[in-house]
Amino acid sequence: MVEKLKNILSRFYIGVVILFLYAPILVLVMLSFNNSRSRVTWGGFTLDWYRKLFSNGQIMEALVTTLILAFASALFATVIGVLGALGIHAMRQKNYQVMMIFTNIPLLNADIVTGIALMLWFVHFIPLGFGSVLLAHMTFNIPYVILSVMPKIRQMNLSLYEAARDLGANAVYAFFKVMLPQLASGILSGFFMAFTMSMDDFVITYFTKGAGVNTLSTMIYGEIRKGIKPEMYSLSTIIFVFALLILLIGNYLPGKRQVNEQSDIDF
């Protein structure tokens, strides 16, 4: 009886947590189909906000800028982060610990401190604009990639790499054919983490962007005084659905692959 009560209470607790997490998103999705601009009255179902979204040049320009910035910064940060993680892993224990401390500092540091510091650095060397924002996003994305890849490097079987080298493979070939497949999941996790952090960032972007550069976060901040356009509800819903699909695909494909491999073994 006590065990059953514990299960009921634990499920209730999990349900309350999920409700608090996703209730605001559900409200946002509902507002994207609301025929009224009011956030408190339901004016009927409509798709007008989605049609107006794709015809709004300002939002589309900010969306394209945000996606290009997020993809480019995540890609460069992933390459640099993977090489950095391999280099840190090869260090001696003392140097390894020091580098891991420095890697964690950007994660614990306040965004406003990082944003102002990067702004002061950039204004002395390069004009503020898309390039400065890209460099800023790469700067705070690299630690996320390193920390995502590092556990996979510790789990990696280095004997396979050494065996490939002994069999005549050069360092580049052995890296791409032996090491990279073992690190693939960590690299992919780091890339998506960097992509998400870049899409989500506002403070650092606000301090390092120049005139004429607008991302979704800075554009929404500029519209708060006038009121958020209902088209932004539609855009947020599309982004949420897209992220949900990626998660479902990412969790479904490995399970399906494992089932297929198990079937082949049984056969």
Protein backbone atom coordinates (compact mmCIF):
# COMPACT_ATOMS: atom_id res chain seq x y z
CA MET A 1 0.00 0.00 0.00
CA VAL A 2 2.82 2.38 0.95
CA GLU A 3 4.73 1.52 -2.23
CA LYS A 4 1.65 2.19 -4.35
CA LEU A 5 1.13 5.55 -2.63
CA LYS A 6 4.77 6.47 -3.33
CA ASN A 7 4.34 5.66 -7.01
CA ILE A 8 1.19 7.79 -7.21
CA LEU A 9 2.88 10.74 -5.48
CA SER A 10 6.00 10.47 -7.65
CA ARG A 11 3.92 10.45 -10.83
CA PHE A 12 1.90 13.41 -9.56
CA TYR A 13 5.09 15.30 -8.78
CA ILE A 14 6.52 14.59 -12.25
CA GLY A 15 3.23 15.66 -13.81
CA VAL A 16 3.29 18.99 -11.93
CA VAL A 17 6.88 19.65 -12.99
CA ILE A 18 6.09 18.89 -16.64
CA LEU A 19 3.00 21.11 -16.42
CA PHE A 20 5.03 24.07 -15.14
CA LEU A 21 7.64 23.49 -17.84
CA TYR A 22 5.35 23.16 -20.84
CA ALA A 23 2.20 25.11 -19.91
CA PRO A 24 3.71 28.42 -21.13
CA ILE A 25 4.69 26.78 -24.43
CA LEU A 26 1.18 25.36 -24.87
CA VAL A 27 -0.25 28.84 -24.26
CA LEU A 28 2.13 30.21 -26.87
CA VAL A 29 1.01 27.57 -29.39
CA MET A 30 -2.64 28.39 -28.72
CA LEU A 31 -2.02 32.11 -29.19
CA SER A 32 -0.42 31.42 -32.58
CA PHE A 33 -3.82 30.12 -33.76
CA ASN A 34 -5.88 32.81 -32.02
CA ASN A 35 -7.78 35.08 -34.41
CA SER A 36 -7.61 37.90 -31.85
CA ARG A 37 -4.56 40.01 -30.97
CA SER A 38 -5.62 39.81 -27.34
CA ARG A 39 -3.80 37.32 -25.14
CA VAL A 40 -6.77 36.82 -22.83
CA THR A 41 -9.68 36.30 -25.25
CA TRP A 42 -10.15 33.58 -27.84
CA GLY A 43 -11.24 34.97 -31.18
CA GLY A 44 -11.47 31.70 -33.07
CA PHE A 45 -9.05 29.46 -34.95
CA THR A 46 -6.96 31.02 -37.73
CA LEU A 47 -3.77 30.51 -39.73
CA ASP A 48 -3.45 34.18 -40.65
CA TRP A 49 -0.51 34.76 -38.31
CA TYR A 50 1.45 32.03 -40.08
CA ARG A 51 0.72 33.55 -43.48
CA LYS A 52 1.69 37.01 -42.25
CA LEU A 53 4.84 35.58 -40.70
CA PHE A 54 6.28 34.47 -44.04
CA SER A 55 5.35 37.79 -45.68
CA ASN A 56 7.01 39.87 -42.93
CA GLY A 57 10.39 40.89 -44.33
CA GLN A 58 11.78 42.13 -41.01
CA ILE A 59 11.10 38.85 -39.20
CA MET A 60 12.37 36.75 -42.10
CA GLU A 61 15.58 38.74 -42.29
CA ALA A 62 16.15 38.37 -38.54
CA LEU A 63 15.38 34.63 -38.78
CA VAL A 64 17.83 34.09 -41.64
CA THR A 65 20.53 36.05 -39.81
CA THR A 66 19.91 34.04 -36.64
CA LEU A 67 20.07 30.68 -38.44
CA ILE A 68 23.22 31.57 -40.42
CA LEU A 69 24.87 32.89 -37.27
CA ALA A 70 23.88 29.85 -35.21
CA PHE A 71 24.97 27.31 -37.85
CA ALA A 72 28.27 29.04 -38.67
CA SER A 73 29.24 29.62 -35.04
CA ALA A 74 28.26 26.07 -34.07
CA LEU A 75 30.22 24.59 -36.99
CA PHE A 76 33.41 26.55 -36.29
CA ALA A 77 33.07 26.02 -32.54
CA THR A 78 32.64 22.27 -33.08
CA VAL A 79 35.81 21.99 -35.16
CA ILE A 80 37.84 24.08 -32.71
CA GLY A 81 36.25 22.40 -29.70
CA VAL A 82 36.99 18.85 -30.91
CA LEU A 83 40.64 19.71 -31.60
CA GLY A 84 40.85 21.51 -28.27
CA ALA A 85 39.35 18.55 -26.39
CA LEU A 86 41.86 16.18 -27.99
CA GLY A 87 44.71 18.51 -27.07
CA ILE A 88 43.52 18.93 -23.47
CA HIS A 89 43.10 15.16 -23.10
CA ALA A 90 46.71 14.62 -24.19
CA MET A 91 48.08 17.00 -21.52
CA ARG A 92 49.62 15.98 -18.25
CA GLN A 93 47.30 15.76 -15.25
CA LYS A 94 48.24 19.16 -13.78
CA ASN A 95 47.92 21.02 -17.09
CA TYR A 96 44.72 19.09 -17.84
CA GLN A 97 43.10 20.29 -14.61
CA VAL A 98 44.16 23.90 -15.26
CA MET A 99 42.72 23.86 -18.79
CA MET A 100 39.45 22.33 -17.59
CA ILE A 101 39.14 25.15 -15.03
CA PHE A 102 39.62 27.73 -17.78
CA THR A 103 37.11 25.86 -19.95
CA ASN A 104 34.45 26.06 -17.24
CA ILE A 105 34.94 29.78 -16.53
CA PRO A 106 32.85 31.00 -19.56
CA LEU A 107 30.00 28.71 -18.48
CA LEU A 108 29.93 30.12 -14.94
CA ASN A 109 30.65 33.71 -15.91
CA ALA A 110 27.70 36.10 -16.26
CA ASP A 111 26.69 36.76 -19.88
CA ILE A 112 26.73 40.51 -19.33
CA VAL A 113 30.40 40.36 -18.23
CA THR A 114 31.32 38.30 -21.29
CA GLY A 115 29.32 40.58 -23.59
CA ILE A 116 30.88 43.82 -22.31
CA ALA A 117 34.39 42.32 -22.32
CA LEU A 118 34.04 41.13 -25.92
CA MET A 119 32.57 44.49 -26.97
CA LEU A 120 35.53 46.38 -25.48
CA TRP A 121 37.91 43.95 -27.19
CA PHE A 122 36.25 44.15 -30.60
CA VAL A 123 35.93 47.94 -30.82
CA HIS A 124 39.73 48.22 -30.71
CA PHE A 125 40.35 45.75 -33.53
CA ILE A 126 37.33 45.17 -35.76
CA PRO A 127 34.12 47.09 -36.49
CA LEU A 128 31.03 45.79 -34.74
CA GLY A 129 28.78 43.84 -37.10
CA PHE A 130 28.00 40.31 -38.18
CA GLY A 131 31.66 39.28 -37.91
CA SER A 132 31.97 40.44 -34.32
CA VAL A 133 28.78 38.61 -33.33
CA LEU A 134 30.03 35.45 -35.05
CA LEU A 135 33.34 35.58 -33.17
CA ALA A 136 31.49 36.25 -29.90
CA HIS A 137 29.19 33.26 -30.40
CA MET A 138 32.13 31.03 -31.27
CA THR A 139 33.86 32.18 -28.08
CA PHE A 140 31.09 31.09 -25.72
CA ASN A 141 30.17 27.99 -27.77
CA ILE A 142 33.60 26.35 -27.73
CA PRO A 143 33.48 25.33 -24.02
CA TYR A 144 30.13 23.59 -24.56
CA VAL A 145 31.63 21.54 -27.39
CA ILE A 146 34.74 20.66 -25.36
CA LEU A 147 32.68 19.50 -22.39
CA SER A 148 30.40 17.45 -24.68
CA VAL A 149 33.27 15.72 -26.48
CA MET A 150 35.57 15.17 -23.49
CA PRO A 151 33.58 12.26 -21.94
CA LYS A 152 33.60 10.44 -25.29
CA ILE A 153 37.37 10.88 -25.54
CA ARG A 154 37.80 9.33 -22.09
CA GLN A 155 35.61 6.40 -23.18
CA MET A 156 37.43 5.99 -26.49
CA ASN A 157 39.55 2.91 -27.11
CA LEU A 158 42.93 4.36 -28.11
CA SER A 159 44.23 0.88 -28.91
CA LEU A 160 42.20 0.94 -32.14
CA TYR A 161 43.91 4.15 -33.24
CA GLU A 162 47.34 2.77 -32.39
CA ALA A 163 46.55 -0.46 -34.23
CA ALA A 164 45.50 1.51 -37.33
CA ARG A 165 48.78 3.44 -37.20
CA ASP A 166 50.76 0.20 -36.82
CA LEU A 167 48.98 -1.21 -39.87
CA GLY A 168 50.19 1.69 -42.01
CA ALA A 169 47.40 4.26 -41.76
CA ASN A 170 48.57 7.86 -41.53
CA ALA A 171 47.42 10.11 -38.69
CA VAL A 172 44.70 11.88 -40.71
CA TYR A 173 43.22 8.66 -42.09
CA ALA A 174 43.28 6.98 -38.68
CA PHE A 175 41.59 10.01 -37.11
CA PHE A 176 38.70 10.11 -39.58
CA LYS A 177 38.22 6.35 -39.85
CA VAL A 178 38.91 5.22 -36.27
CA MET A 179 38.65 8.08 -33.79
CA LEU A 180 35.92 10.20 -35.36
CA PRO A 181 33.24 7.44 -35.40
CA GLN A 182 33.82 6.86 -31.68
CA LEU A 183 33.42 10.58 -30.97
CA ALA A 184 30.47 11.13 -33.32
CA SER A 185 27.73 11.20 -30.67
CA GLY A 186 29.66 13.65 -28.49
CA ILE A 187 30.46 15.87 -31.47
CA LEU A 188 26.83 15.88 -32.56
CA SER A 189 25.69 16.72 -29.03
CA GLY A 190 28.20 19.55 -28.85
CA PHE A 191 27.12 20.92 -32.22
CA PHE A 192 23.43 20.97 -31.29
CA MET A 193 24.25 22.48 -27.89
CA ALA A 194 26.27 25.24 -29.57
CA PHE A 195 23.53 25.79 -32.17
CA THR A 196 20.88 26.08 -29.47
CA MET A 197 22.95 28.44 -27.30
CA SER A 198 23.62 30.67 -30.30
CA MET A 199 19.93 30.74 -31.25
CA ASP A 200 18.98 31.56 -27.67
CA ASP A 201 21.60 34.19 -26.86
CA PHE A 202 20.59 37.81 -26.36
CA VAL A 203 22.95 39.58 -23.95
CA ILE A 204 26.24 38.88 -25.75
CA THR A 205 24.64 39.52 -29.14
CA TYR A 206 23.21 42.82 -27.92
CA PHE A 207 26.63 44.13 -26.85
CA THR A 208 28.65 42.86 -29.84
CA LYS A 209 26.31 43.51 -32.78
CA GLY A 210 26.60 46.59 -34.95
CA ALA A 211 24.02 48.74 -36.63
CA GLY A 212 21.85 46.88 -39.12
CA VAL A 213 22.44 43.43 -37.56
CA ASN A 214 19.37 41.97 -35.92
CA THR A 215 18.71 38.50 -34.57
CA LEU A 216 15.36 37.22 -33.35
CA SER A 217 16.25 37.89 -29.72
CA THR A 218 17.37 41.49 -30.30
CA MET A 219 14.42 42.17 -32.59
CA ILE A 220 11.93 40.92 -29.98
CA TYR A 221 13.66 43.03 -27.32
CA GLY A 222 13.24 46.11 -29.52
CA GLU A 223 9.53 45.39 -30.00
CA ILE A 224 8.66 44.87 -26.33
CA ARG A 225 7.71 48.51 -25.85
CA LYS A 226 5.36 48.43 -28.83
CA GLY A 227 4.02 44.96 -28.06
CA ILE A 228 4.95 41.54 -29.41
CA LYS A 229 3.50 40.80 -32.83
CA PRO A 230 1.31 37.67 -33.03
CA GLU A 231 3.55 36.51 -35.89
CA MET A 232 6.25 35.88 -33.29
CA TYR A 233 3.96 33.36 -31.60
CA SER A 234 3.78 31.47 -34.87
CA LEU A 235 7.54 31.59 -35.37
CA SER A 236 8.15 30.37 -31.81
CA THR A 237 5.70 27.50 -32.38
CA ILE A 238 7.51 26.47 -35.58
CA ILE A 239 10.87 26.53 -33.79
CA PHE A 240 9.46 24.44 -30.92
CA VAL A 241 7.97 21.85 -33.29
CA PHE A 242 11.23 21.69 -35.25
CA ALA A 243 13.24 21.10 -32.05
CA LEU A 244 10.74 18.45 -30.93
CA LEU A 245 11.07 16.61 -34.26
CA ILE A 246 14.87 16.63 -33.99
CA LEU A 247 14.65 15.14 -30.49
CA LEU A 248 12.21 12.46 -31.61
CA ILE A 249 14.33 11.53 -34.61
CA GLY A 250 17.52 11.57 -32.53
CA ASN A 251 15.99 9.24 -29.95
CA TYR A 252 14.17 6.99 -32.44
CA LEU A 253 16.96 6.27 -34.93
CA PRO A 254 19.53 4.92 -32.40
CA GLY A 255 16.88 2.62 -30.93
CA LYS A 256 15.86 1.38 -34.37
CA ARG A 257 19.49 0.83 -35.34
CA GLN A 258 20.10 -1.13 -32.14
CA VAL A 259 17.05 -3.33 -32.81
CA ASN A 260 18.23 -4.00 -36.39
CA GLU A 261 21.72 -4.88 -35.19
CA GLN A 262 20.28 -7.23 -32.57
CA SER A 263 18.12 -8.88 -35.24
CA ASP A 264 21.18 -9.42 -37.42
CA ILE A 265 23.05 -10.98 -34.51
CA ASP A 266 20.13 -13.27 -33.67
CA PHE A 267 19.92 -14.33 -37.29
